C-alpha atoms as a PDB file:
ATOM      1  CA  MET A   1      81.734  26.642   0.609  1.00  0.00           C
ATOM      2  CA  LEU A   2      81.767  28.545   3.885  1.00  0.00           C
ATOM      3  CA  ALA A   3      80.308  26.489   6.730  1.00  0.00           C
ATOM      4  CA  ILE A   4      77.700  28.314   8.771  1.00  0.00           C
ATOM      5  CA  PRO A   5      77.594  27.197  12.409  1.00  0.00           C
ATOM      6  CA  ASP A   6      74.419  25.779  13.902  1.00  0.00           C
ATOM      7  CA  VAL A   7      72.367  27.898  16.263  1.00  0.00           C
ATOM      8  CA  VAL A   8      70.741  26.438  19.353  1.00  0.00           C
ATOM      9  CA  VAL A   9      67.148  27.528  19.901  1.00  0.00           C
ATOM     10  CA  GLU A  10      65.430  26.706  23.153  1.00  0.00           C
ATOM     11  CA  VAL A  11      61.860  25.405  23.006  1.00  0.00           C
ATOM     12  CA  LYS A  12      59.981  24.871  26.235  1.00  0.00           C
ATOM     13  CA  LEU A  13      57.534  21.963  26.249  1.00  0.00           C
ATOM     14  CA  PRO A  14      55.398  20.690  29.077  1.00  0.00           C
ATOM     15  CA  GLN A  15      57.092  17.636  30.575  1.00  0.00           C
ATOM     16  CA  SER A  16      53.832  15.721  30.248  1.00  0.00           C
ATOM     17  CA  LEU A  17      53.914  16.271  26.495  1.00  0.00           C
ATOM     18  CA  LEU A  18      57.411  14.859  26.211  1.00  0.00           C
ATOM     19  CA  ILE A  19      56.634  11.892  28.450  1.00  0.00           C
ATOM     20  CA  GLY A  20      53.256  11.286  26.806  1.00  0.00           C
ATOM     21  CA  SER A  21      54.757  11.223  23.318  1.00  0.00           C
ATOM     22  CA  GLY A  22      57.053   8.332  24.138  1.00  0.00           C
ATOM     23  CA  LEU A  23      59.877  10.125  22.315  1.00  0.00           C
ATOM     24  CA  THR A  24      63.311  10.875  23.670  1.00  0.00           C
ATOM     25  CA  ARG A  25      64.570  14.460  23.848  1.00  0.00           C
ATOM     26  CA  GLN A  26      66.634  13.854  20.715  1.00  0.00           C
ATOM     27  CA  GLU A  27      63.692  12.339  18.829  1.00  0.00           C
ATOM     28  CA  THR A  28      61.553  15.315  19.866  1.00  0.00           C
ATOM     29  CA  SER A  29      64.251  17.735  18.754  1.00  0.00           C
ATOM     30  CA  ASP A  30      64.532  15.949  15.400  1.00  0.00           C
ATOM     31  CA  ALA A  31      60.737  16.007  14.940  1.00  0.00           C
ATOM     32  CA  LEU A  32      60.576  19.727  15.733  1.00  0.00           C
ATOM     33  CA  LEU A  33      63.383  20.490  13.273  1.00  0.00           C
ATOM     34  CA  ARG A  34      61.668  18.429  10.580  1.00  0.00           C
ATOM     35  CA  SER A  35      58.351  20.200  11.195  1.00  0.00           C
ATOM     36  CA  TYR A  36      60.020  23.616  11.133  1.00  0.00           C
ATOM     37  CA  ILE A  37      61.801  22.894   7.856  1.00  0.00           C
ATOM     38  CA  ILE A  38      58.595  21.580   6.276  1.00  0.00           C
ATOM     39  CA  SER A  39      56.808  24.712   7.489  1.00  0.00           C
ATOM     40  CA  LEU A  40      59.430  26.946   5.876  1.00  0.00           C
ATOM     41  CA  TYR A  41      59.092  24.965   2.647  1.00  0.00           C
ATOM     42  CA  ARG A  42      55.278  25.288   2.684  1.00  0.00           C
ATOM     43  CA  GLN A  43      55.618  29.062   3.138  1.00  0.00           C
ATOM     44  CA  ASP A  44      57.958  29.190   0.086  1.00  0.00           C
ATOM     45  CA  ARG A  45      60.770  30.468   2.296  1.00  0.00           C
ATOM     46  CA  ILE A  46      63.113  27.632   1.253  1.00  0.00           C
ATOM     47  CA  SER A  47      63.274  25.313  -1.743  1.00  0.00           C
ATOM     48  CA  SER A  48      62.810  21.560  -1.638  1.00  0.00           C
ATOM     49  CA  GLY A  49      66.531  21.175  -2.315  1.00  0.00           C
ATOM     50  CA  LYS A  50      67.423  23.441   0.610  1.00  0.00           C
ATOM     51  CA  ALA A  51      64.953  21.628   2.865  1.00  0.00           C
ATOM     52  CA  ALA A  52      66.446  18.263   1.917  1.00  0.00           C
ATOM     53  CA  ASN A  53      69.948  19.599   2.503  1.00  0.00           C
ATOM     54  CA  LEU A  54      69.033  20.927   5.943  1.00  0.00           C
ATOM     55  CA  LEU A  55      67.570  17.533   6.850  1.00  0.00           C
ATOM     56  CA  GLY A  56      70.602  15.715   5.456  1.00  0.00           C
ATOM     57  CA  ILE A  57      68.540  13.709   2.976  1.00  0.00           C
ATOM     58  CA  HIS A  58      68.214  13.433  -0.798  1.00  0.00           C
ATOM     59  CA  ARG A  59      65.699  15.775  -2.450  1.00  0.00           C
ATOM     60  CA  LEU A  60      63.610  12.833  -3.694  1.00  0.00           C
ATOM     61  CA  THR A  61      63.435  11.529  -0.124  1.00  0.00           C
ATOM     62  CA  PHE A  62      62.149  14.941   0.964  1.00  0.00           C
ATOM     63  CA  ILE A  63      59.484  14.857  -1.751  1.00  0.00           C
ATOM     64  CA  ARG A  64      58.421  11.403  -0.531  1.00  0.00           C
ATOM     65  CA  MET A  65      58.315  12.779   3.021  1.00  0.00           C
ATOM     66  CA  LEU A  66      55.928  15.485   1.835  1.00  0.00           C
ATOM     67  CA  ALA A  67      53.697  12.839   0.251  1.00  0.00           C
ATOM     68  CA  GLU A  68      53.642  10.873   3.514  1.00  0.00           C
ATOM     69  CA  GLU A  69      52.450  14.036   5.264  1.00  0.00           C
ATOM     70  CA  ASP A  70      49.823  14.709   2.531  1.00  0.00           C
ATOM     71  CA  ILE A  71      51.648  17.904   1.578  1.00  0.00           C
ATOM     72  CA  PRO A  72      51.623  18.602  -2.167  1.00  0.00           C
ATOM     73  CA  TYR A  73      55.023  19.029  -3.814  1.00  0.00           C
ATOM     74  CA  LEU A  74      53.413  20.960  -6.648  1.00  0.00           C
ATOM     75  CA  ASP A  75      50.771  23.284  -5.318  1.00  0.00           C
ATOM     76  CA  TYR A  76      49.285  24.992  -8.361  1.00  0.00           C
ATOM     77  CA  THR A  77      46.062  26.938  -8.457  1.00  0.00           C
ATOM     78  CA  SER A  78      43.797  25.837 -11.313  1.00  0.00           C
ATOM     79  CA  GLU A  79      44.802  28.992 -13.187  1.00  0.00           C
ATOM     80  CA  GLU A  80      48.521  28.299 -12.748  1.00  0.00           C
ATOM     81  CA  LEU A  81      48.069  24.683 -13.821  1.00  0.00           C
ATOM     82  CA  GLU A  82      46.145  25.769 -16.917  1.00  0.00           C
ATOM     83  CA  HIS A  83      48.972  28.174 -17.789  1.00  0.00           C
ATOM     84  CA  GLU A  84      51.567  25.396 -17.404  1.00  0.00           C
ATOM     85  CA  VAL A  85      49.558  22.961 -19.553  1.00  0.00           C
ATOM     86  CA  GLU A  86      49.209  25.605 -22.257  1.00  0.00           C
ATOM     87  CA  ALA A  87      52.961  26.254 -22.153  1.00  0.00           C
ATOM     88  CA  VAL A  88      53.632  22.530 -22.655  1.00  0.00           C
ATOM     89  CA  ARG A  89      51.189  22.430 -25.578  1.00  0.00           C
ATOM     90  CA  ARG A  90      52.961  25.386 -27.236  1.00  0.00           C
ATOM     91  CA  TRP A  91      56.323  23.757 -26.602  1.00  0.00           C
ATOM     92  CA  ASN A  92      55.179  20.472 -28.206  1.00  0.00           C
ATOM     93  CA  LYS A  93      54.033  22.332 -31.343  1.00  0.00           C
ATOM     94  CA  ALA A  94      57.417  24.014 -31.790  1.00  0.00           C
END
């Protein structure tokens, strides 16, 4: 697999925010990356597997991370859920 180099993105934060958080620059950077990846996942721009890979963790660990943040892994509308349940019922009858 071809390795894609990392890109450095500059984010300006008020110094008071960094000091007030009690986090180091690296911890802040890690938190921002995590939040960005979760945001991309929530927007359906990346899969849970891709998100986990980008964070360097197992997919199940990522799913647990979502639960800790009260972010649903499966986010069905009631109509979509009904469709899925019906598909399972048809599958069980076959």
